[in-house]
N, C-alpha and C. Protein backbone atom coordinates (compact mmCIF):
# COMPACT_ATOMS: atom_id res chain seq x y z
N UNK A 1 -1.30 -13.12 78.12
CA UNK A 1 -2.99 -13.00 78.12
C UNK A 1 -3.26 -13.54 79.50
N UNK A 2 -4.31 -12.96 80.21
CA UNK A 2 -4.68 -13.43 81.45
C UNK A 2 -5.58 -14.69 81.39
N UNK A 3 -5.56 -15.40 82.34
CA UNK A 3 -6.23 -16.64 82.26
C UNK A 3 -7.75 -16.63 82.00
N UNK A 4 -8.44 -15.54 82.55
CA UNK A 4 -9.79 -15.40 82.36
C UNK A 4 -9.98 -14.98 80.77
N UNK A 5 -9.12 -14.55 80.05
CA UNK A 5 -9.16 -14.04 78.68
C UNK A 5 -9.11 -15.35 77.89
N UNK A 6 -8.28 -16.34 78.39
CA UNK A 6 -8.11 -17.46 77.63
C UNK A 6 -9.11 -18.60 77.68
N UNK A 7 -9.99 -18.41 78.82
CA UNK A 7 -10.92 -19.41 78.85
C UNK A 7 -11.87 -19.58 77.56
N UNK A 8 -12.30 -18.38 77.18
CA UNK A 8 -13.02 -18.65 75.74
C UNK A 8 -12.25 -19.54 74.60
N UNK A 9 -11.14 -19.28 74.84
CA UNK A 9 -9.96 -19.92 73.49
C UNK A 9 -9.96 -21.30 73.98
N UNK A 10 -9.55 -21.52 75.17
CA UNK A 10 -9.56 -23.02 75.68
C UNK A 10 -11.00 -23.76 75.51
N UNK A 11 -11.99 -23.21 75.73
CA UNK A 11 -13.32 -23.89 75.39
C UNK A 11 -13.44 -24.05 73.96
N UNK A 12 -13.34 -23.02 73.37
CA UNK A 12 -13.29 -23.44 71.86
C UNK A 12 -12.56 -24.51 71.30
N UNK A 13 -11.28 -24.35 71.87
CA UNK A 13 -10.52 -25.69 71.45
C UNK A 13 -10.89 -26.82 72.07
N UNK A 14 -11.64 -26.92 73.18
CA UNK A 14 -12.10 -28.23 73.60
C UNK A 14 -13.30 -28.69 72.74
N UNK A 15 -14.18 -27.73 72.64
CA UNK A 15 -15.21 -28.01 71.68
C UNK A 15 -14.72 -28.53 70.49
N UNK A 16 -13.82 -27.86 69.61
CA UNK A 16 -13.20 -28.13 68.53
C UNK A 16 -12.86 -29.78 68.53
N UNK A 17 -11.94 -30.08 69.76
CA UNK A 17 -11.51 -31.37 69.78
C UNK A 17 -12.38 -32.40 70.07
N UNK A 18 -13.72 -32.21 70.83
CA UNK A 18 -14.53 -33.07 71.19
C UNK A 18 -15.66 -33.48 70.13
N UNK A 19 -16.18 -32.31 69.54
CA UNK A 19 -17.25 -32.37 68.47
C UNK A 19 -16.83 -33.33 67.51
N UNK A 20 -15.78 -33.69 67.00
CA UNK A 20 -15.18 -34.40 65.78
C UNK A 20 -15.37 -36.06 66.36
N UNK A 21 -14.98 -36.16 67.60
CA UNK A 21 -14.96 -37.53 68.41
C UNK A 21 -16.42 -38.01 68.49
N UNK A 22 -17.33 -37.11 69.00
CA UNK A 22 -18.46 -37.52 69.25
C UNK A 22 -19.31 -37.63 67.95
N UNK A 23 -19.11 -36.87 66.85
CA UNK A 23 -19.80 -36.89 65.70
C UNK A 23 -19.48 -38.28 64.84
N UNK A 24 -18.11 -38.68 65.10
CA UNK A 24 -17.42 -39.83 64.41
C UNK A 24 -17.88 -40.87 64.93
N UNK A 25 -18.13 -41.17 66.07
CA UNK A 25 -18.57 -42.58 66.71
C UNK A 25 -20.19 -42.86 66.05
N UNK A 26 -20.86 -42.27 66.13
CA UNK A 26 -22.42 -42.77 65.50
C UNK A 26 -22.47 -42.90 63.99
N UNK A 27 -21.51 -41.75 63.34
CA UNK A 27 -21.35 -41.77 61.92
C UNK A 27 -20.91 -43.15 61.32
N UNK A 28 -19.88 -43.97 62.02
CA UNK A 28 -19.48 -45.18 61.70
C UNK A 28 -20.23 -45.97 61.72
N UNK A 29 -21.16 -46.82 60.57
CA UNK A 29 -21.89 -47.66 60.64
C UNK A 29 -21.58 -48.97 60.52
N UNK A 30 -20.22 -49.37 61.04
CA UNK A 30 -19.52 -50.75 61.03
C UNK A 30 -20.36 -51.30 62.25
N UNK A 31 -20.39 -50.78 63.32
CA UNK A 31 -20.89 -51.34 64.55
C UNK A 31 -20.01 -52.62 64.82
N UNK A 32 -20.48 -53.68 65.01
CA UNK A 32 -19.83 -55.23 65.20
C UNK A 32 -19.64 -55.77 63.84
N UNK A 33 -19.72 -55.14 62.76
CA UNK A 33 -19.55 -55.91 61.19
C UNK A 33 -18.07 -55.76 60.94
N UNK A 34 -17.49 -56.59 60.29
CA UNK A 34 -16.15 -56.41 59.54
C UNK A 34 -16.26 -56.60 58.31
N UNK A 35 -15.22 -56.68 57.51
CA UNK A 35 -15.28 -56.87 56.09
C UNK A 35 -15.31 -55.87 55.22
N UNK A 36 -15.53 -56.00 54.05
CA UNK A 36 -15.48 -54.71 52.94
C UNK A 36 -16.83 -54.17 52.94
N UNK A 37 -16.90 -52.87 52.97
CA UNK A 37 -18.26 -51.99 53.13
C UNK A 37 -18.46 -52.18 51.52
N UNK A 38 -19.96 -52.79 51.40
CA UNK A 38 -20.50 -52.69 49.98
C UNK A 38 -21.78 -51.88 49.85
N UNK A 39 -21.99 -51.00 50.88
CA UNK A 39 -23.19 -50.03 50.79
C UNK A 39 -23.69 -49.65 52.16
N UNK A 40 -24.15 -48.16 51.99
CA UNK A 40 -24.80 -47.78 53.32
C UNK A 40 -26.19 -47.23 52.81
N UNK A 41 -27.15 -47.45 53.66
CA UNK A 41 -28.38 -47.22 53.59
C UNK A 41 -28.68 -46.07 54.57
N UNK A 42 -29.60 -44.99 54.16
CA UNK A 42 -29.82 -43.76 54.67
C UNK A 42 -31.25 -43.80 55.38
N UNK A 43 -31.57 -43.56 56.55
CA UNK A 43 -32.74 -43.60 57.23
C UNK A 43 -33.17 -42.44 57.68
N UNK A 44 -34.26 -41.71 57.10
CA UNK A 44 -34.61 -40.41 57.70
C UNK A 44 -36.25 -40.69 58.20
N UNK A 45 -36.63 -39.79 58.97
CA UNK A 45 -38.02 -39.96 59.61
C UNK A 45 -38.92 -39.03 58.68
N UNK A 46 -40.12 -39.06 59.22
CA UNK A 46 -41.13 -38.44 58.13
C UNK A 46 -40.97 -36.83 57.89
N UNK A 47 -40.18 -35.99 58.44
CA UNK A 47 -39.75 -34.79 58.32
C UNK A 47 -38.57 -34.60 57.75
N UNK A 48 -38.06 -35.59 57.44
CA UNK A 48 -36.57 -35.58 56.63
C UNK A 48 -35.37 -35.49 57.52
N UNK A 49 -35.45 -35.66 58.86
CA UNK A 49 -34.65 -35.77 59.73
C UNK A 49 -33.70 -37.25 59.62
N UNK A 50 -32.42 -36.95 59.77
CA UNK A 50 -31.65 -38.22 59.76
C UNK A 50 -31.65 -39.11 61.12
N UNK A 51 -32.18 -40.24 60.88
CA UNK A 51 -32.17 -40.86 61.97
C UNK A 51 -31.18 -42.13 62.19
N UNK A 52 -30.80 -42.59 61.11
CA UNK A 52 -29.75 -43.73 61.23
C UNK A 52 -29.37 -44.21 59.72
N UNK A 53 -27.97 -44.88 59.82
CA UNK A 53 -27.50 -45.47 58.68
C UNK A 53 -27.65 -46.93 58.92
N UNK A 54 -27.71 -47.75 57.86
CA UNK A 54 -27.42 -49.01 57.87
C UNK A 54 -26.00 -49.48 57.13
N UNK A 55 -25.06 -49.83 57.60
CA UNK A 55 -23.91 -50.30 56.95
C UNK A 55 -24.02 -51.76 56.53
N UNK A 56 -23.51 -51.88 55.16
CA UNK A 56 -23.73 -53.47 54.89
C UNK A 56 -22.31 -54.01 54.39
N UNK A 57 -22.06 -55.05 54.68
CA UNK A 57 -20.53 -55.50 54.75
C UNK A 57 -20.47 -56.93 53.99
N UNK A 58 -19.16 -57.36 53.47
CA UNK A 58 -18.93 -58.60 52.85
C UNK A 58 -17.92 -59.30 53.47
N UNK A 59 -17.66 -60.33 53.65
CA UNK A 59 -16.50 -61.05 54.18
C UNK A 59 -16.46 -62.32 52.89
N UNK A 60 -15.55 -63.10 53.09
CA UNK A 60 -15.55 -64.24 52.08
C UNK A 60 -16.66 -65.15 52.16
N UNK A 61 -17.21 -65.41 53.41
CA UNK A 61 -18.37 -66.49 53.27
C UNK A 61 -19.64 -65.82 54.11
N UNK A 62 -19.52 -64.33 54.40
CA UNK A 62 -20.83 -64.04 55.05
C UNK A 62 -21.25 -62.74 54.62
N UNK A 63 -22.46 -61.99 54.68
CA UNK A 63 -22.84 -60.77 54.71
C UNK A 63 -23.14 -60.45 55.99
N UNK A 64 -22.94 -58.96 56.65
CA UNK A 64 -23.27 -58.36 57.67
C UNK A 64 -23.91 -56.85 57.48
N UNK A 65 -24.78 -56.73 58.27
CA UNK A 65 -25.54 -55.43 58.26
C UNK A 65 -25.75 -54.87 59.86
N UNK A 66 -25.73 -53.89 59.85
CA UNK A 66 -25.97 -53.12 61.37
C UNK A 66 -26.31 -51.60 61.19
N UNK A 67 -27.48 -51.32 61.71
CA UNK A 67 -28.17 -49.91 61.82
C UNK A 67 -27.59 -49.29 62.91
N UNK A 68 -26.93 -48.18 62.70
CA UNK A 68 -26.49 -47.41 63.61
C UNK A 68 -27.21 -45.99 63.80
N UNK A 69 -27.84 -45.43 65.19
CA UNK A 69 -28.42 -44.25 65.07
C UNK A 69 -27.59 -42.91 64.98
N UNK A 70 -28.19 -42.03 64.52
CA UNK A 70 -27.57 -40.67 64.30
C UNK A 70 -27.93 -39.53 64.91
N UNK A 71 -27.19 -38.37 65.36
CA UNK A 71 -27.68 -37.20 65.80
C UNK A 71 -28.20 -37.43 66.98
N UNK A 72 -29.26 -36.75 67.38
CA UNK A 72 -30.25 -36.86 68.64
C UNK A 72 -30.55 -38.11 69.02
N UNK A 73 -30.73 -39.02 67.96
CA UNK A 73 -31.23 -40.18 68.07
C UNK A 73 -30.09 -41.30 68.98
N UNK A 74 -28.68 -41.02 68.52
CA UNK A 74 -27.58 -41.91 69.07
C UNK A 74 -27.76 -41.77 70.68
N UNK A 75 -27.82 -42.77 71.47
CA UNK A 75 -27.66 -42.78 72.84
C UNK A 75 -29.02 -42.56 73.47
N UNK A 76 -30.26 -42.65 72.59
CA UNK A 76 -31.37 -42.71 73.17
C UNK A 76 -32.21 -43.96 73.02
N UNK A 77 -32.52 -44.56 74.21
CA UNK A 77 -33.13 -45.94 74.15
C UNK A 77 -34.63 -45.72 73.42
N UNK A 78 -34.76 -46.45 72.50
CA UNK A 78 -35.98 -46.71 71.39
C UNK A 78 -35.98 -48.12 70.97
N UNK A 79 -37.14 -48.29 70.55
CA UNK A 79 -37.66 -49.77 69.99
C UNK A 79 -36.92 -49.60 68.36
N UNK A 80 -36.36 -50.50 67.75
CA UNK A 80 -35.86 -50.67 66.65
C UNK A 80 -35.51 -52.29 66.13
N UNK A 81 -35.59 -52.42 64.78
CA UNK A 81 -35.18 -53.70 64.34
C UNK A 81 -34.37 -53.37 62.99
N UNK A 82 -33.65 -54.55 62.65
CA UNK A 82 -33.13 -54.48 61.59
C UNK A 82 -33.11 -56.07 61.10
N UNK A 83 -33.77 -56.20 59.84
CA UNK A 83 -34.09 -57.56 59.29
C UNK A 83 -33.46 -57.77 57.88
N UNK A 84 -32.86 -58.73 57.58
CA UNK A 84 -32.45 -59.18 56.45
C UNK A 84 -33.28 -60.56 56.09
N UNK A 85 -33.85 -60.40 54.86
CA UNK A 85 -34.90 -61.43 54.38
C UNK A 85 -34.49 -62.04 52.98
N UNK A 86 -34.41 -63.32 53.11
CA UNK A 86 -34.27 -64.20 51.66
C UNK A 86 -35.13 -65.15 51.98
N UNK A 87 -34.72 -66.56 51.81
CA UNK A 87 -35.66 -67.51 51.93
C UNK A 87 -36.08 -67.80 53.32
N UNK A 88 -35.35 -66.91 54.48
CA UNK A 88 -35.57 -66.97 55.66
C UNK A 88 -35.27 -65.57 56.26
N UNK A 89 -35.74 -65.39 57.66
CA UNK A 89 -35.49 -64.04 58.10
C UNK A 89 -34.61 -64.05 59.02
N UNK A 90 -33.73 -63.24 59.24
CA UNK A 90 -32.53 -63.00 60.34
C UNK A 90 -32.58 -61.71 60.78
N UNK A 91 -32.96 -61.58 62.09
CA UNK A 91 -33.16 -60.09 62.69
C UNK A 91 -32.50 -59.81 63.91
N UNK A 92 -32.41 -58.47 64.44
CA UNK A 92 -32.25 -58.14 65.80
C UNK A 92 -33.27 -57.07 65.90
N UNK A 93 -34.03 -57.15 67.08
CA UNK A 93 -35.01 -56.49 67.35
C UNK A 93 -34.94 -56.14 68.70
N UNK A 94 -35.28 -54.94 69.43
CA UNK A 94 -35.57 -54.66 70.81
C UNK A 94 -35.35 -53.29 71.08
N UNK A 95 -35.02 -52.93 72.16
CA UNK A 95 -35.05 -51.53 72.75
C UNK A 95 -33.41 -51.28 72.55
N UNK A 96 -32.81 -50.45 71.95
CA UNK A 96 -31.43 -50.10 71.85
C UNK A 96 -31.03 -48.61 71.98
N UNK A 97 -30.02 -48.63 72.49
CA UNK A 97 -29.56 -46.80 72.77
C UNK A 97 -28.76 -46.46 71.33
N UNK A 98 -28.01 -47.55 70.62
CA UNK A 98 -26.96 -47.06 69.95
C UNK A 98 -27.11 -47.76 68.42
N UNK A 99 -27.67 -48.95 68.40
CA UNK A 99 -27.60 -49.78 67.08
C UNK A 99 -28.40 -50.93 67.17
N UNK A 100 -29.13 -51.49 66.20
CA UNK A 100 -29.47 -52.77 65.99
C UNK A 100 -28.66 -53.58 65.17
N UNK A 101 -28.02 -54.94 65.55
CA UNK A 101 -27.40 -55.43 64.64
C UNK A 101 -25.94 -55.61 65.73
N UNK A 102 -25.10 -56.09 65.18
CA UNK A 102 -24.86 -56.69 63.60
C UNK A 102 -25.71 -58.11 63.47
N UNK A 103 -26.02 -58.24 62.03
CA UNK A 103 -26.58 -59.28 61.61
C UNK A 103 -26.10 -60.08 60.70
N UNK A 104 -25.52 -61.37 60.85
CA UNK A 104 -24.61 -61.92 60.09
C UNK A 104 -25.34 -62.91 59.38
N UNK A 105 -25.34 -63.08 58.02
CA UNK A 105 -25.97 -64.13 57.22
C UNK A 105 -25.05 -64.73 56.14
N UNK A 106 -25.21 -66.04 55.76
CA UNK A 106 -24.58 -66.65 54.82
C UNK A 106 -24.48 -65.87 53.44
N UNK A 107 -23.40 -66.15 52.76
CA UNK A 107 -23.18 -65.59 51.37
C UNK A 107 -23.92 -66.74 50.57
N UNK A 108 -24.38 -66.50 49.29
CA UNK A 108 -25.09 -67.28 48.25
C UNK A 108 -26.28 -67.22 47.97
N UNK A 109 -26.89 -66.18 48.63
CA UNK A 109 -28.23 -65.73 48.02
C UNK A 109 -28.45 -64.09 48.29
N UNK A 110 -29.41 -63.88 48.03
CA UNK A 110 -29.41 -62.27 48.01
C UNK A 110 -30.64 -61.93 49.18
N UNK A 111 -30.54 -60.67 49.77
CA UNK A 111 -31.22 -60.38 50.90
C UNK A 111 -31.83 -58.90 50.62
N UNK A 112 -32.97 -58.88 51.23
CA UNK A 112 -33.74 -57.40 51.43
C UNK A 112 -33.47 -57.00 52.91
N UNK A 113 -33.52 -55.49 52.84
CA UNK A 113 -33.12 -55.23 54.22
C UNK A 113 -34.56 -54.17 54.65
N UNK A 114 -35.07 -54.63 55.81
CA UNK A 114 -35.94 -53.90 56.58
C UNK A 114 -35.71 -53.30 57.85
N UNK A 115 -35.84 -51.77 58.13
CA UNK A 115 -35.35 -51.03 59.38
C UNK A 115 -36.60 -50.31 59.76
N UNK A 116 -36.78 -50.65 61.17
CA UNK A 116 -37.90 -49.78 61.72
C UNK A 116 -37.37 -49.23 63.09
N UNK A 117 -37.66 -47.95 63.39
CA UNK A 117 -37.20 -47.23 64.71
C UNK A 117 -38.34 -46.45 64.85
N UNK A 118 -38.57 -46.56 66.26
CA UNK A 118 -39.47 -45.64 66.77
C UNK A 118 -38.80 -44.46 67.65
N UNK A 119 -39.66 -43.62 68.06
CA UNK A 119 -39.17 -42.55 69.04
C UNK A 119 -39.54 -42.97 70.44
N UNK A 120 -39.21 -42.10 71.65
CA UNK A 120 -39.15 -42.38 72.98
C UNK A 120 -40.89 -42.56 73.07
N UNK A 121 -41.84 -41.88 72.46
CA UNK A 121 -43.09 -42.12 72.97
C UNK A 121 -43.82 -43.25 72.25
N UNK A 122 -43.00 -44.01 71.38
CA UNK A 122 -43.84 -45.28 70.84
C UNK A 122 -44.35 -45.04 69.30
N UNK A 123 -43.75 -43.69 68.75
CA UNK A 123 -44.43 -43.33 67.49
C UNK A 123 -43.25 -43.89 66.39
N UNK A 124 -43.81 -44.52 65.35
CA UNK A 124 -42.99 -45.00 64.52
C UNK A 124 -42.29 -43.99 63.58
N UNK A 125 -40.79 -43.54 63.45
CA UNK A 125 -40.16 -42.82 62.91
C UNK A 125 -39.44 -43.23 61.61
N UNK A 126 -39.10 -44.50 61.51
CA UNK A 126 -38.69 -45.04 60.29
C UNK A 126 -39.31 -46.29 59.87
N UNK A 127 -39.59 -46.66 58.72
CA UNK A 127 -40.14 -47.79 58.34
C UNK A 127 -39.64 -48.17 56.89
N UNK A 128 -38.50 -48.45 56.62
CA UNK A 128 -37.87 -48.77 55.50
C UNK A 128 -37.66 -49.97 55.00
N UNK A 129 -38.17 -50.16 53.80
CA UNK A 129 -38.11 -51.61 53.36
C UNK A 129 -37.40 -51.66 51.85
N UNK A 130 -36.58 -52.35 51.71
CA UNK A 130 -36.00 -52.08 50.55
C UNK A 130 -36.79 -52.91 49.22
N UNK A 131 -36.83 -52.27 48.22
CA UNK A 131 -37.80 -52.75 46.99
C UNK A 131 -37.19 -53.80 46.12
N UNK A 132 -35.70 -53.84 46.34
CA UNK A 132 -34.86 -54.80 45.68
C UNK A 132 -33.71 -55.26 46.67
N UNK A 133 -33.34 -56.36 46.39
CA UNK A 133 -32.08 -56.97 47.03
C UNK A 133 -30.94 -56.17 47.12
N UNK A 134 -30.42 -55.82 48.45
CA UNK A 134 -29.28 -54.91 48.35
C UNK A 134 -28.01 -55.67 48.96
N UNK A 135 -28.10 -56.87 49.35
CA UNK A 135 -26.89 -57.66 49.46
C UNK A 135 -27.01 -58.97 48.67
N UNK A 136 -25.90 -59.27 48.00
CA UNK A 136 -26.03 -60.54 47.37
C UNK A 136 -26.35 -60.47 46.04
N UNK A 137 -26.40 -61.56 45.04
CA UNK A 137 -27.22 -61.79 43.88
C UNK A 137 -28.20 -62.79 43.93
N UNK A 138 -29.22 -62.86 43.11
CA UNK A 138 -30.38 -63.36 43.05
C UNK A 138 -30.24 -64.48 41.85
């Protein structure tokens, strides 16, 4: 087979190898958290497009949460926040390319999770607030 005929095959193989690696990185909502995964929250914008996942983790003494952007949002600098709320507020907010968090909090109480993500033009795309605690027991 000539080198010219093999080029499409080589490109297809390369795309096949690269795509899972690129797709796997943002899908892992562990970010800087460790411990046992106790849940994942899905965040979609107003049109239903997947924007991010929030991974929820537990260790023997702490909970951790991290919100990782997905798809076209991953690697795009936008304003976002991740807030864990109990009798006090713990958060990470700012302009991020990939994720907000990790936010570590002590175990022993329950926490609500709030997530906000804007697009590059300053329009809020995600405004999710848990109606009930998603970490810990009250």
